[in-house]
């Protein structure tokens, strides 16, 4: 093993445990490299997280070309000739062949200085790029194919998948732009219908791409299954990888972001549970995934409760003088936690949230006895904080006996 490969392996292990800020910095560093080559493998363990983080990514012809196929891109070690998949090692060679044309060079130049976040530009340039690639890529392996590690015969298999998906690219991108809104059924149906017109493998590829970004992947899969009775098994198969990803990183973000993640995750799970495509072992996997997400969210809530309320309350109760801004910060934390509490309960585990709030109330009650200094924390400050989180009945228990 070369030193470069040893370094890549070490970085892969390190990035798996890295927080979101570190992952974002690593992505920016790799994106700045003129050629990523083997270094691109460093990101393989965190690619599911990147779909949640969505760091700003520079627009390039290669990135633009494979947006409609994003759901079927695999590490070379995970690619097989019988799979509906695209090995990552082939991407640069295919993009280089497109860029070798005059139109391809013009598109590559038009991408520079822009990011994937510019949806309108992506749609405009993407439509040109996808049609160009489908039309101009040669039937035989292009120059540089030997550096992909793939066989010449593999090129034909890969091109047979890419061409029809590129032809459906504008419809797929229109649905991807609205992924957080479902996507809406008409957009999802148009994208899947355009791909299905080319056969089952392109339909599978389009569905996999939409499913990994959709807020309602189960509904999208149900639409795909309705387009072709033979596609039901493929629709289920497109949903299965969603259950391989880890629960959202609730603990790695602040309480407000965690609440938003919990709300979106709960809606995502409800959609999958209602789609009617899961049965037997697949349904049990879905239930296990819900349990894992619920557990992760409850742990994040407990940690945030201590960080945002309990620890500040203890510190302020011991202080001789407390500024209004410090009390307001504690109350603001309580409001964020209230939002996380409400969202987290949609994942399950309501009893655990109730227990955490009871324990917090007991802690605040014990602090209330010493929170009476003229310039320090007042009991009513704790009462207001508890009322925000646990309601007026719980807060009333902190009031002094009349």
Foldseek 3Di string as FASTA:
>chain_A
DDPVVVVLVVLLVVVLPDFPVVVLVVLVVCLPDPDCPPNVVSCVNCVLVCLVVVRWHQFALLVLLCLLQVLAEDDPVPDDLVDLHDDPLCSVQLLVQLCVDPVSVVLRVVRPPHTVVPLVVSLVSSLVSLVSSLPDDDCWRDPPPVVSVDDRVSVNSNNLQSNQSSQLVNLLSVQLVQQAVQNPPVSLLSSLVSQCVSPQSSSLSSLLSSLSNHLQSLVSLLSNCVVDVVCLVSSLVSCQVVLVDAAHQLQSDALLVSLVSLQSVLSRLVNNVPSPSDDDPRVVSSVVRLVRNLVNLLVSLLVLCCVLALVLLVVQLPDLADDPVSLVSSLVSLLSSQSSLVSSCSSPDVVSLVVSLVVSLVSLLVSQVSQDRPRTHHLVSSLSSSCSNPNNVSSVVSDDDD
